[in-house]
Amino acid sequence: MPPNDFAYLTTTGRRSGRPHTIEIWFAEQHGVRYLLSGGGDRADWVRNLRGDPSAQLRLGGPRELRADLPGTAAVTARFEVDPAEDLLARRLLARKYQGWREGEQLSHWATTSLVVAFDLPG
């Protein structure tokens, strides 16, 4: 997969206070990056964001994420999205990673995952 098929999300550990970086799928539209958590609120990265919604988000590149690398954005997680934005996020990610097409049923993952939105600065 090309490098921009992945994002690297760095959160602050809710217990340790240390940075934690994961590689994750994402979709972007109109200055918003969307992630889906198949584990819902049980995923560690979601729990970390619930504790501290500020994070670093970078597209492509190495697993080691540093805030001074180009392409890194300081972002704040949004868990509250309206129904239209929720559906948009699910469709964008399903299309990008699962080949979903208009008129088809969304997969279980795309239907049941928790949507997390990040408004990009600028």
N, C-alpha and C. Protein backbone atom coordinates (compact mmCIF):
# COMPACT_ATOMS: atom_id res chain seq x y z
N MET A 1 0.84 -1.19 0.00
CA MET A 1 0.00 0.00 0.00
C MET A 1 0.88 1.25 0.00
N PRO A 2 0.46 2.28 -0.72
CA PRO A 2 1.22 3.54 -0.69
C PRO A 2 1.25 4.11 0.72
N PRO A 3 2.25 4.96 1.02
CA PRO A 3 2.42 5.47 2.38
C PRO A 3 1.20 6.19 2.94
N ASN A 4 0.42 6.88 2.10
CA ASN A 4 -0.73 7.61 2.64
C ASN A 4 -1.95 6.74 2.85
N ASP A 5 -1.77 5.43 2.81
CA ASP A 5 -2.85 4.53 3.19
C ASP A 5 -2.89 4.33 4.70
N PHE A 6 -1.88 4.83 5.38
CA PHE A 6 -1.81 4.69 6.83
C PHE A 6 -1.59 6.03 7.49
N ALA A 7 -2.12 6.16 8.70
CA ALA A 7 -1.83 7.30 9.55
C ALA A 7 -1.14 6.77 10.79
N TYR A 8 -0.37 7.64 11.42
CA TYR A 8 0.30 7.31 12.67
C TYR A 8 -0.24 8.26 13.72
N LEU A 9 -0.95 7.70 14.67
CA LEU A 9 -1.61 8.47 15.72
C LEU A 9 -0.84 8.30 17.01
N THR A 10 -0.42 9.41 17.60
CA THR A 10 0.27 9.38 18.88
C THR A 10 -0.63 10.01 19.93
N THR A 11 -0.97 9.22 20.92
CA THR A 11 -1.79 9.67 22.05
C THR A 11 -0.93 9.68 23.31
N THR A 12 -1.45 10.29 24.35
CA THR A 12 -0.79 10.27 25.65
C THR A 12 -1.44 9.19 26.49
N GLY A 13 -0.62 8.28 27.01
CA GLY A 13 -1.14 7.19 27.82
C GLY A 13 -1.93 7.71 29.01
N ARG A 14 -3.11 7.18 29.19
CA ARG A 14 -3.99 7.67 30.26
C ARG A 14 -3.46 7.33 31.64
N ARG A 15 -2.66 6.29 31.75
CA ARG A 15 -2.07 5.92 33.04
C ARG A 15 -0.61 6.32 33.13
N SER A 16 0.15 6.05 32.06
CA SER A 16 1.60 6.27 32.09
C SER A 16 1.99 7.71 31.80
N GLY A 17 1.16 8.42 31.03
CA GLY A 17 1.53 9.77 30.61
C GLY A 17 2.54 9.77 29.49
N ARG A 18 2.92 8.60 28.99
CA ARG A 18 3.91 8.49 27.91
C ARG A 18 3.21 8.46 26.56
N PRO A 19 3.92 8.88 25.51
CA PRO A 19 3.33 8.83 24.17
C PRO A 19 3.21 7.39 23.67
N HIS A 20 2.12 7.12 22.99
CA HIS A 20 1.86 5.82 22.37
C HIS A 20 1.47 6.05 20.92
N THR A 21 2.14 5.39 20.00
CA THR A 21 1.88 5.56 18.58
C THR A 21 1.34 4.27 17.98
N ILE A 22 0.29 4.41 17.18
CA ILE A 22 -0.26 3.26 16.45
C ILE A 22 -0.32 3.60 14.97
N GLU A 23 -0.29 2.57 14.15
CA GLU A 23 -0.53 2.71 12.72
C GLU A 23 -1.99 2.36 12.51
N ILE A 24 -2.70 3.19 11.75
CA ILE A 24 -4.14 2.99 11.62
C ILE A 24 -4.64 3.49 10.27
N TRP A 25 -5.73 2.91 9.81
CA TRP A 25 -6.38 3.38 8.59
C TRP A 25 -7.08 4.71 8.86
N PHE A 26 -7.21 5.50 7.81
CA PHE A 26 -7.88 6.81 7.94
C PHE A 26 -8.52 7.17 6.62
N ALA A 27 -9.42 8.12 6.68
CA ALA A 27 -9.97 8.76 5.49
C ALA A 27 -10.05 10.25 5.77
N GLU A 28 -10.00 11.03 4.71
CA GLU A 28 -10.00 12.49 4.88
C GLU A 28 -10.97 13.13 3.90
N GLN A 29 -11.70 14.10 4.39
CA GLN A 29 -12.56 14.91 3.53
C GLN A 29 -12.82 16.25 4.19
N HIS A 30 -12.73 17.31 3.39
CA HIS A 30 -13.03 18.67 3.83
C HIS A 30 -12.27 19.05 5.10
N GLY A 31 -10.98 18.72 5.16
CA GLY A 31 -10.15 19.12 6.30
C GLY A 31 -10.39 18.33 7.57
N VAL A 32 -11.05 17.20 7.46
CA VAL A 32 -11.28 16.34 8.63
C VAL A 32 -10.71 14.96 8.31
N ARG A 33 -9.97 14.39 9.26
CA ARG A 33 -9.49 13.01 9.14
C ARG A 33 -10.33 12.15 10.06
N TYR A 34 -10.77 11.03 9.51
CA TYR A 34 -11.62 10.11 10.25
C TYR A 34 -10.90 8.79 10.50
N LEU A 35 -11.07 8.26 11.69
CA LEU A 35 -10.57 6.94 12.06
C LEU A 35 -11.76 6.14 12.56
N LEU A 36 -11.70 4.83 12.41
CA LEU A 36 -12.72 3.95 12.97
C LEU A 36 -12.05 3.02 13.97
N SER A 37 -12.66 2.90 15.13
CA SER A 37 -12.18 1.97 16.15
C SER A 37 -13.08 0.74 16.17
N GLY A 38 -12.57 -0.36 15.61
CA GLY A 38 -13.33 -1.61 15.63
C GLY A 38 -13.57 -2.10 17.05
N GLY A 39 -12.69 -1.71 17.96
CA GLY A 39 -12.85 -2.08 19.37
C GLY A 39 -13.68 -1.09 20.16
N GLY A 40 -14.23 -0.10 19.46
CA GLY A 40 -15.06 0.91 20.13
C GLY A 40 -14.30 1.61 21.24
N ASP A 41 -14.97 1.82 22.35
CA ASP A 41 -14.35 2.49 23.50
C ASP A 41 -13.35 1.60 24.24
N ARG A 42 -13.28 0.33 23.88
CA ARG A 42 -12.33 -0.57 24.56
C ARG A 42 -10.91 -0.44 24.04
N ALA A 43 -10.73 0.13 22.85
CA ALA A 43 -9.39 0.27 22.27
C ALA A 43 -8.56 1.22 23.12
N ASP A 44 -7.30 0.85 23.35
CA ASP A 44 -6.43 1.68 24.18
C ASP A 44 -6.28 3.09 23.62
N TRP A 45 -6.17 3.22 22.30
CA TRP A 45 -5.98 4.55 21.74
C TRP A 45 -7.21 5.42 21.97
N VAL A 46 -8.39 4.82 21.96
CA VAL A 46 -9.61 5.57 22.23
C VAL A 46 -9.66 5.94 23.72
N ARG A 47 -9.33 5.01 24.57
CA ARG A 47 -9.29 5.32 26.01
C ARG A 47 -8.31 6.45 26.30
N ASN A 48 -7.15 6.41 25.63
CA ASN A 48 -6.18 7.49 25.82
C ASN A 48 -6.76 8.82 25.37
N LEU A 49 -7.45 8.83 24.22
CA LEU A 49 -8.04 10.08 23.74
C LEU A 49 -9.19 10.56 24.62
N ARG A 50 -9.92 9.64 25.21
CA ARG A 50 -10.99 10.05 26.15
C ARG A 50 -10.38 10.76 27.35
N GLY A 51 -9.18 10.30 27.76
CA GLY A 51 -8.49 10.94 28.89
C GLY A 51 -7.86 12.27 28.51
N ASP A 52 -7.32 12.34 27.30
CA ASP A 52 -6.67 13.56 26.80
C ASP A 52 -6.89 13.58 25.29
N PRO A 53 -7.84 14.38 24.80
CA PRO A 53 -8.19 14.35 23.38
C PRO A 53 -7.14 14.95 22.44
N SER A 54 -6.09 15.57 22.98
CA SER A 54 -5.05 16.11 22.11
C SER A 54 -4.12 14.99 21.67
N ALA A 55 -3.68 15.07 20.41
CA ALA A 55 -2.85 14.01 19.85
C ALA A 55 -2.01 14.57 18.71
N GLN A 56 -1.14 13.73 18.17
CA GLN A 56 -0.39 14.04 16.96
C GLN A 56 -0.82 13.05 15.89
N LEU A 57 -1.02 13.51 14.67
CA LEU A 57 -1.46 12.65 13.58
C LEU A 57 -0.57 12.91 12.38
N ARG A 58 0.00 11.83 11.81
CA ARG A 58 0.90 11.95 10.67
C ARG A 58 0.52 10.92 9.63
N LEU A 59 0.60 11.29 8.37
CA LEU A 59 0.33 10.36 7.29
C LEU A 59 1.63 9.75 6.81
N GLY A 60 1.60 8.42 6.54
CA GLY A 60 2.75 7.73 5.99
C GLY A 60 3.98 7.85 6.86
N GLY A 61 5.11 7.43 6.34
CA GLY A 61 6.37 7.59 7.05
C GLY A 61 6.64 6.51 8.07
N PRO A 62 7.69 6.69 8.83
CA PRO A 62 8.11 5.65 9.78
C PRO A 62 7.18 5.54 10.97
N ARG A 63 7.26 4.40 11.65
CA ARG A 63 6.46 4.19 12.85
C ARG A 63 6.84 5.18 13.95
N GLU A 64 8.11 5.54 14.02
CA GLU A 64 8.54 6.50 15.04
C GLU A 64 8.00 7.87 14.65
N LEU A 65 7.21 8.43 15.50
CA LEU A 65 6.56 9.70 15.20
C LEU A 65 7.15 10.77 16.09
N ARG A 66 7.62 11.83 15.47
CA ARG A 66 8.12 12.97 16.23
C ARG A 66 7.33 14.19 15.79
N ALA A 67 7.01 15.04 16.73
CA ALA A 67 6.19 16.21 16.42
C ALA A 67 6.88 17.16 15.46
N ASP A 68 8.22 17.09 15.35
CA ASP A 68 8.92 18.03 14.48
C ASP A 68 9.06 17.53 13.04
N LEU A 69 8.53 16.34 12.73
CA LEU A 69 8.60 15.83 11.37
C LEU A 69 7.56 16.54 10.50
N PRO A 70 7.90 16.81 9.23
CA PRO A 70 6.91 17.43 8.33
C PRO A 70 5.67 16.54 8.20
N GLY A 71 4.55 17.16 8.03
CA GLY A 71 3.31 16.41 7.84
C GLY A 71 2.62 16.00 9.13
N THR A 72 3.21 16.33 10.25
CA THR A 72 2.60 16.01 11.53
C THR A 72 1.68 17.14 11.95
N ALA A 73 0.47 16.79 12.36
CA ALA A 73 -0.50 17.80 12.78
C ALA A 73 -0.88 17.57 14.24
N ALA A 74 -0.92 18.66 14.99
CA ALA A 74 -1.49 18.59 16.34
C ALA A 74 -3.00 18.64 16.17
N VAL A 75 -3.68 17.65 16.70
CA VAL A 75 -5.12 17.53 16.49
C VAL A 75 -5.82 17.25 17.82
N THR A 76 -7.13 17.42 17.81
CA THR A 76 -7.95 17.11 18.98
C THR A 76 -9.07 16.19 18.53
N ALA A 77 -9.24 15.10 19.25
CA ALA A 77 -10.26 14.11 18.90
C ALA A 77 -11.66 14.66 19.15
N ARG A 78 -12.56 14.33 18.22
CA ARG A 78 -13.98 14.63 18.37
C ARG A 78 -14.72 13.30 18.31
N PHE A 79 -15.50 13.01 19.34
CA PHE A 79 -16.29 11.79 19.38
C PHE A 79 -17.75 12.06 19.03
N GLU A 80 -18.15 13.30 19.10
CA GLU A 80 -19.52 13.67 18.79
C GLU A 80 -19.59 14.13 17.33
N VAL A 81 -20.21 13.32 16.49
CA VAL A 81 -20.40 13.69 15.09
C VAL A 81 -21.88 13.53 14.77
N ASP A 82 -22.37 14.39 13.90
CA ASP A 82 -23.80 14.26 13.56
C ASP A 82 -24.00 13.04 12.66
N PRO A 83 -25.24 12.59 12.51
CA PRO A 83 -25.50 11.36 11.74
C PRO A 83 -24.98 11.40 10.30
N ALA A 84 -25.04 12.55 9.64
CA ALA A 84 -24.55 12.64 8.26
C ALA A 84 -23.03 12.48 8.21
N GLU A 85 -22.33 13.10 9.15
CA GLU A 85 -20.87 12.98 9.20
C GLU A 85 -20.46 11.56 9.59
N ASP A 86 -21.21 10.96 10.49
CA ASP A 86 -20.96 9.58 10.91
C ASP A 86 -21.03 8.64 9.70
N LEU A 87 -22.09 8.76 8.92
CA LEU A 87 -22.27 7.91 7.74
C LEU A 87 -21.18 8.19 6.70
N LEU A 88 -20.84 9.45 6.51
CA LEU A 88 -19.77 9.82 5.58
C LEU A 88 -18.47 9.13 5.96
N ALA A 89 -18.09 9.21 7.24
CA ALA A 89 -16.84 8.60 7.70
C ALA A 89 -16.83 7.10 7.44
N ARG A 90 -17.91 6.44 7.75
CA ARG A 90 -18.00 4.98 7.54
C ARG A 90 -17.88 4.62 6.06
N ARG A 91 -18.55 5.38 5.22
CA ARG A 91 -18.49 5.12 3.77
C ARG A 91 -17.11 5.40 3.20
N LEU A 92 -16.48 6.50 3.64
CA LEU A 92 -15.14 6.83 3.15
C LEU A 92 -14.14 5.72 3.46
N LEU A 93 -14.15 5.26 4.70
CA LEU A 93 -13.20 4.21 5.10
C LEU A 93 -13.52 2.88 4.44
N ALA A 94 -14.79 2.53 4.34
CA ALA A 94 -15.17 1.27 3.69
C ALA A 94 -14.80 1.30 2.21
N ARG A 95 -14.98 2.43 1.56
CA ARG A 95 -14.62 2.56 0.14
C ARG A 95 -13.11 2.42 -0.03
N LYS A 96 -12.36 3.11 0.81
CA LYS A 96 -10.90 3.14 0.68
C LYS A 96 -10.26 1.78 0.96
N TYR A 97 -10.73 1.08 1.98
CA TYR A 97 -10.05 -0.14 2.42
C TYR A 97 -10.79 -1.44 2.10
N GLN A 98 -12.06 -1.35 1.80
CA GLN A 98 -12.83 -2.57 1.55
C GLN A 98 -13.50 -2.59 0.18
N GLY A 99 -13.28 -1.55 -0.61
CA GLY A 99 -13.86 -1.51 -1.96
C GLY A 99 -15.36 -1.32 -1.99
N TRP A 100 -15.91 -0.77 -0.90
CA TRP A 100 -17.36 -0.55 -0.83
C TRP A 100 -17.80 0.39 -1.94
N ARG A 101 -19.01 0.12 -2.48
CA ARG A 101 -19.61 0.97 -3.52
C ARG A 101 -21.01 1.38 -3.12
N GLU A 102 -21.40 2.55 -3.58
CA GLU A 102 -22.75 3.08 -3.32
C GLU A 102 -23.78 2.01 -3.67
N GLY A 103 -24.76 1.82 -2.80
CA GLY A 103 -25.81 0.83 -3.01
C GLY A 103 -25.53 -0.50 -2.35
N GLU A 104 -24.26 -0.75 -1.98
CA GLU A 104 -23.92 -1.98 -1.28
C GLU A 104 -24.11 -1.79 0.22
N GLN A 105 -24.23 -2.90 0.90
CA GLN A 105 -24.32 -2.86 2.36
C GLN A 105 -22.92 -2.68 2.94
N LEU A 106 -22.79 -1.87 3.98
CA LEU A 106 -21.51 -1.70 4.65
C LEU A 106 -21.16 -2.97 5.43
N SER A 107 -19.87 -3.22 5.58
CA SER A 107 -19.40 -4.38 6.35
C SER A 107 -19.73 -4.20 7.83
N HIS A 108 -19.61 -5.27 8.58
CA HIS A 108 -19.81 -5.22 10.02
C HIS A 108 -18.87 -4.19 10.65
N TRP A 109 -17.59 -4.23 10.25
CA TRP A 109 -16.59 -3.29 10.78
C TRP A 109 -17.01 -1.85 10.50
N ALA A 110 -17.40 -1.56 9.26
CA ALA A 110 -17.77 -0.20 8.90
C ALA A 110 -19.06 0.26 9.57
N THR A 111 -19.92 -0.68 9.90
CA THR A 111 -21.21 -0.35 10.51
C THR A 111 -21.11 -0.17 12.02
N THR A 112 -20.27 -0.97 12.68
CA THR A 112 -20.28 -1.00 14.15
C THR A 112 -19.13 -0.26 14.82
N SER A 113 -18.11 0.12 14.07
CA SER A 113 -16.95 0.79 14.67
C SER A 113 -17.30 2.18 15.18
N LEU A 114 -16.52 2.64 16.12
CA LEU A 114 -16.67 3.99 16.68
C LEU A 114 -15.96 4.98 15.76
N VAL A 115 -16.65 6.03 15.36
CA VAL A 115 -16.06 7.08 14.52
C VAL A 115 -15.35 8.09 15.42
N VAL A 116 -14.10 8.39 15.07
CA VAL A 116 -13.33 9.44 15.75
C VAL A 116 -12.91 10.43 14.67
N ALA A 117 -13.22 11.69 14.87
CA ALA A 117 -12.91 12.73 13.88
C ALA A 117 -11.83 13.66 14.42
N PHE A 118 -10.99 14.14 13.51
CA PHE A 118 -9.94 15.10 13.84
C PHE A 118 -10.02 16.24 12.83
N ASP A 119 -10.33 17.44 13.30
CA ASP A 119 -10.34 18.61 12.43
C ASP A 119 -8.89 19.07 12.27
N LEU A 120 -8.45 19.22 11.03
CA LEU A 120 -7.07 19.61 10.77
C LEU A 120 -6.89 21.10 10.95
N PRO A 121 -5.74 21.51 11.47
CA PRO A 121 -5.48 22.94 11.63
C PRO A 121 -5.32 23.61 10.28
N GLY A 122 -5.61 24.88 10.24
CA GLY A 122 -5.34 25.63 9.03
C GLY A 122 -6.53 26.04 8.34
